[in-house]
Amino acid sequence: MTKSEIVMLLIALIIYQAYATVLVMKSEHFDDTQKLRQVIFIWLIPFVGAILVRIALNAAEREPKPADRTPEAQKPDADHDGRP
């Protein structure tokens, strides 16, 4: 592997690490403490840390929000016309 290939690989790694960091910081699924821990994990364990955090973030985004778990509670009652 040539020196230029190693440099390109390192640049790609840093870009991916930065991308994962931005996604974590923009996420609404974690509190600030959890975000900080995930960012530290991303940078302490290059590439693998970013991949694992991305997997966790994808899983968190797929989980329905508490309001989504009870769709009947959000739908207006068809039999109820709004009068007491």
N, C-alpha and C. Protein backbone atom coordinates (compact mmCIF):
# COMPACT_ATOMS: atom_id res chain seq x y z
N MET A 1 0.85 -1.17 0.00
CA MET A 1 0.00 0.00 0.00
C MET A 1 0.90 1.24 0.00
N THR A 2 0.64 2.12 -0.91
CA THR A 2 1.49 3.31 -1.03
C THR A 2 1.09 4.36 0.01
N LYS A 3 1.95 5.32 0.16
CA LYS A 3 1.70 6.39 1.12
C LYS A 3 0.45 7.17 0.77
N SER A 4 0.22 7.41 -0.51
CA SER A 4 -0.97 8.16 -0.92
C SER A 4 -2.25 7.37 -0.66
N GLU A 5 -2.20 6.05 -0.80
CA GLU A 5 -3.37 5.22 -0.50
C GLU A 5 -3.69 5.25 0.99
N ILE A 6 -2.66 5.23 1.81
CA ILE A 6 -2.86 5.29 3.27
C ILE A 6 -3.47 6.63 3.65
N VAL A 7 -2.97 7.70 3.05
CA VAL A 7 -3.52 9.03 3.33
C VAL A 7 -4.98 9.11 2.91
N MET A 8 -5.30 8.59 1.75
CA MET A 8 -6.70 8.59 1.28
C MET A 8 -7.59 7.78 2.21
N LEU A 9 -7.10 6.64 2.68
CA LEU A 9 -7.86 5.82 3.61
C LEU A 9 -8.10 6.56 4.92
N LEU A 10 -7.09 7.23 5.42
CA LEU A 10 -7.23 8.00 6.66
C LEU A 10 -8.22 9.16 6.49
N ILE A 11 -8.17 9.81 5.34
CA ILE A 11 -9.11 10.90 5.08
C ILE A 11 -10.54 10.37 5.03
N ALA A 12 -10.73 9.25 4.37
CA ALA A 12 -12.06 8.64 4.30
C ALA A 12 -12.55 8.25 5.70
N LEU A 13 -11.66 7.72 6.52
CA LEU A 13 -12.01 7.34 7.88
C LEU A 13 -12.43 8.56 8.70
N ILE A 14 -11.69 9.64 8.59
CA ILE A 14 -12.02 10.86 9.33
C ILE A 14 -13.35 11.43 8.87
N ILE A 15 -13.60 11.39 7.57
CA ILE A 15 -14.88 11.88 7.05
C ILE A 15 -16.04 11.04 7.58
N TYR A 16 -15.87 9.72 7.61
CA TYR A 16 -16.93 8.85 8.13
C TYR A 16 -17.15 9.09 9.62
N GLN A 17 -16.05 9.27 10.37
CA GLN A 17 -16.15 9.54 11.80
C GLN A 17 -16.92 10.86 12.02
N ALA A 18 -16.60 11.87 11.24
CA ALA A 18 -17.27 13.17 11.36
C ALA A 18 -18.75 13.05 11.00
N TYR A 19 -19.05 12.29 9.96
CA TYR A 19 -20.44 12.07 9.54
C TYR A 19 -21.24 11.40 10.66
N ALA A 20 -20.69 10.36 11.27
CA ALA A 20 -21.36 9.68 12.36
C ALA A 20 -21.55 10.61 13.56
N THR A 21 -20.56 11.45 13.82
CA THR A 21 -20.65 12.41 14.92
C THR A 21 -21.79 13.39 14.69
N VAL A 22 -21.90 13.91 13.48
CA VAL A 22 -22.97 14.86 13.17
C VAL A 22 -24.34 14.18 13.31
N LEU A 23 -24.47 12.96 12.84
CA LEU A 23 -25.75 12.26 12.96
C LEU A 23 -26.15 12.07 14.42
N VAL A 24 -25.19 11.72 15.25
CA VAL A 24 -25.49 11.54 16.68
C VAL A 24 -25.91 12.86 17.31
N MET A 25 -25.19 13.91 17.01
CA MET A 25 -25.49 15.20 17.63
C MET A 25 -26.85 15.75 17.17
N LYS A 26 -27.28 15.43 15.96
CA LYS A 26 -28.57 15.90 15.47
C LYS A 26 -29.73 15.01 15.91
N SER A 27 -29.43 13.86 16.45
CA SER A 27 -30.46 12.90 16.82
C SER A 27 -31.32 13.42 17.97
N GLU A 28 -32.60 13.14 17.89
CA GLU A 28 -33.53 13.51 18.96
C GLU A 28 -33.84 12.31 19.86
N HIS A 29 -33.19 11.19 19.63
CA HIS A 29 -33.48 9.96 20.35
C HIS A 29 -32.65 9.79 21.62
N PHE A 30 -31.63 10.61 21.79
CA PHE A 30 -30.74 10.45 22.94
C PHE A 30 -30.61 11.78 23.67
N ASP A 31 -30.39 11.70 24.99
CA ASP A 31 -30.14 12.92 25.75
C ASP A 31 -28.69 13.35 25.55
N ASP A 32 -28.34 14.51 26.07
CA ASP A 32 -27.01 15.07 25.83
C ASP A 32 -25.89 14.20 26.38
N THR A 33 -26.11 13.57 27.55
CA THR A 33 -25.09 12.71 28.13
C THR A 33 -24.83 11.50 27.23
N GLN A 34 -25.88 10.90 26.74
CA GLN A 34 -25.74 9.74 25.86
C GLN A 34 -25.05 10.14 24.56
N LYS A 35 -25.40 11.30 24.03
CA LYS A 35 -24.76 11.77 22.80
C LYS A 35 -23.25 11.94 23.02
N LEU A 36 -22.88 12.54 24.14
CA LEU A 36 -21.47 12.74 24.44
C LEU A 36 -20.73 11.40 24.53
N ARG A 37 -21.34 10.45 25.20
CA ARG A 37 -20.73 9.11 25.31
C ARG A 37 -20.56 8.46 23.95
N GLN A 38 -21.56 8.61 23.10
CA GLN A 38 -21.48 8.00 21.78
C GLN A 38 -20.40 8.66 20.92
N VAL A 39 -20.29 9.98 21.01
CA VAL A 39 -19.25 10.68 20.25
C VAL A 39 -17.86 10.26 20.73
N ILE A 40 -17.69 10.15 22.03
CA ILE A 40 -16.40 9.69 22.57
C ILE A 40 -16.10 8.28 22.06
N PHE A 41 -17.11 7.41 22.06
CA PHE A 41 -16.94 6.05 21.57
C PHE A 41 -16.55 6.04 20.09
N ILE A 42 -17.19 6.90 19.31
CA ILE A 42 -16.87 6.99 17.88
C ILE A 42 -15.40 7.30 17.67
N TRP A 43 -14.87 8.25 18.43
CA TRP A 43 -13.50 8.71 18.20
C TRP A 43 -12.45 7.88 18.92
N LEU A 44 -12.83 7.18 20.00
CA LEU A 44 -11.86 6.33 20.68
C LEU A 44 -11.62 5.01 19.95
N ILE A 45 -12.65 4.52 19.28
CA ILE A 45 -12.53 3.26 18.54
C ILE A 45 -12.87 3.57 17.07
N PRO A 46 -11.90 4.05 16.34
CA PRO A 46 -12.16 4.48 14.95
C PRO A 46 -12.81 3.38 14.11
N PHE A 47 -13.67 3.79 13.24
CA PHE A 47 -14.41 2.99 12.29
C PHE A 47 -15.39 2.04 12.96
N VAL A 48 -14.91 1.14 13.80
CA VAL A 48 -15.80 0.18 14.48
C VAL A 48 -16.76 0.93 15.39
N GLY A 49 -16.25 1.91 16.13
CA GLY A 49 -17.11 2.71 17.01
C GLY A 49 -18.18 3.44 16.22
N ALA A 50 -17.80 4.01 15.09
CA ALA A 50 -18.76 4.73 14.25
C ALA A 50 -19.83 3.78 13.71
N ILE A 51 -19.42 2.61 13.29
CA ILE A 51 -20.38 1.63 12.77
C ILE A 51 -21.36 1.20 13.86
N LEU A 52 -20.85 0.90 15.04
CA LEU A 52 -21.72 0.46 16.13
C LEU A 52 -22.70 1.55 16.57
N VAL A 53 -22.23 2.77 16.62
CA VAL A 53 -23.11 3.88 16.98
C VAL A 53 -24.17 4.10 15.91
N ARG A 54 -23.78 3.97 14.64
CA ARG A 54 -24.77 4.10 13.56
C ARG A 54 -25.84 3.01 13.63
N ILE A 55 -25.43 1.81 13.99
CA ILE A 55 -26.40 0.72 14.15
C ILE A 55 -27.37 1.04 15.27
N ALA A 56 -26.84 1.53 16.40
CA ALA A 56 -27.70 1.90 17.52
C ALA A 56 -28.63 3.04 17.15
N LEU A 57 -28.14 4.01 16.41
CA LEU A 57 -28.96 5.14 16.00
C LEU A 57 -30.06 4.69 15.04
N ASN A 58 -29.73 3.82 14.11
CA ASN A 58 -30.75 3.31 13.19
C ASN A 58 -31.82 2.54 13.94
N ALA A 59 -31.42 1.74 14.93
CA ALA A 59 -32.40 0.99 15.72
C ALA A 59 -33.30 1.93 16.50
N ALA A 60 -32.73 2.99 17.05
CA ALA A 60 -33.53 3.95 17.82
C ALA A 60 -34.51 4.69 16.92
N GLU A 61 -34.10 4.99 15.69
CA GLU A 61 -34.99 5.69 14.77
C GLU A 61 -36.13 4.81 14.28
N ARG A 62 -35.93 3.51 14.29
CA ARG A 62 -36.98 2.59 13.82
C ARG A 62 -38.03 2.32 14.88
N GLU A 63 -37.68 2.55 16.15
CA GLU A 63 -38.64 2.32 17.22
C GLU A 63 -39.74 3.37 17.13
N PRO A 64 -40.99 2.93 17.27
CA PRO A 64 -42.07 3.92 17.23
C PRO A 64 -42.02 4.80 18.46
N LYS A 65 -42.40 6.05 18.27
CA LYS A 65 -42.46 6.98 19.40
C LYS A 65 -43.65 6.61 20.28
N PRO A 66 -43.65 7.01 21.55
CA PRO A 66 -44.76 6.65 22.43
C PRO A 66 -46.13 7.01 21.86
N ALA A 67 -46.26 8.15 21.20
CA ALA A 67 -47.54 8.54 20.61
C ALA A 67 -47.92 7.60 19.47
N ASP A 68 -46.94 7.05 18.76
CA ASP A 68 -47.22 6.15 17.65
C ASP A 68 -47.68 4.78 18.12
N ARG A 69 -47.40 4.44 19.36
CA ARG A 69 -47.76 3.12 19.87
C ARG A 69 -49.25 3.00 20.14
N THR A 70 -49.93 4.11 20.28
CA THR A 70 -51.36 4.09 20.53
C THR A 70 -52.08 4.92 19.47
N PRO A 71 -52.18 4.40 18.26
CA PRO A 71 -52.79 5.20 17.20
C PRO A 71 -54.27 5.47 17.45
N GLU A 72 -54.94 4.59 18.19
CA GLU A 72 -56.35 4.81 18.47
C GLU A 72 -56.56 6.05 19.32
N ALA A 73 -55.59 6.37 20.15
CA ALA A 73 -55.72 7.54 21.02
C ALA A 73 -55.64 8.83 20.22
N GLN A 74 -55.02 8.79 19.06
CA GLN A 74 -54.88 9.99 18.25
C GLN A 74 -56.02 10.17 17.26
N LYS A 75 -56.70 9.08 16.93
CA LYS A 75 -57.77 9.17 15.96
C LYS A 75 -59.04 9.69 16.63
N PRO A 76 -59.75 10.59 15.97
CA PRO A 76 -61.03 11.03 16.55
C PRO A 76 -62.04 9.89 16.47
N ASP A 77 -62.87 9.81 17.46
CA ASP A 77 -63.88 8.78 17.54
C ASP A 77 -64.97 9.08 16.51
N ALA A 78 -65.20 8.15 15.61
CA ALA A 78 -66.19 8.35 14.55
C ALA A 78 -67.61 8.40 15.12
N ASP A 79 -67.86 7.70 16.23
CA ASP A 79 -69.18 7.67 16.82
C ASP A 79 -69.44 8.89 17.71
N HIS A 80 -68.42 9.63 18.01
CA HIS A 80 -68.55 10.75 18.92
C HIS A 80 -68.55 12.04 18.11
N ASP A 81 -69.57 12.84 18.25
CA ASP A 81 -69.70 14.06 17.44
C ASP A 81 -69.16 15.30 18.15
N GLY A 82 -68.47 15.12 19.27
CA GLY A 82 -67.86 16.25 19.95
C GLY A 82 -68.71 16.81 21.06
N ARG A 83 -69.96 16.37 21.16
CA ARG A 83 -70.83 16.86 22.24
C ARG A 83 -70.72 15.93 23.44
N PRO A 84 -70.86 16.48 24.65
CA PRO A 84 -70.77 15.63 25.86
C PRO A 84 -71.90 14.67 26.02
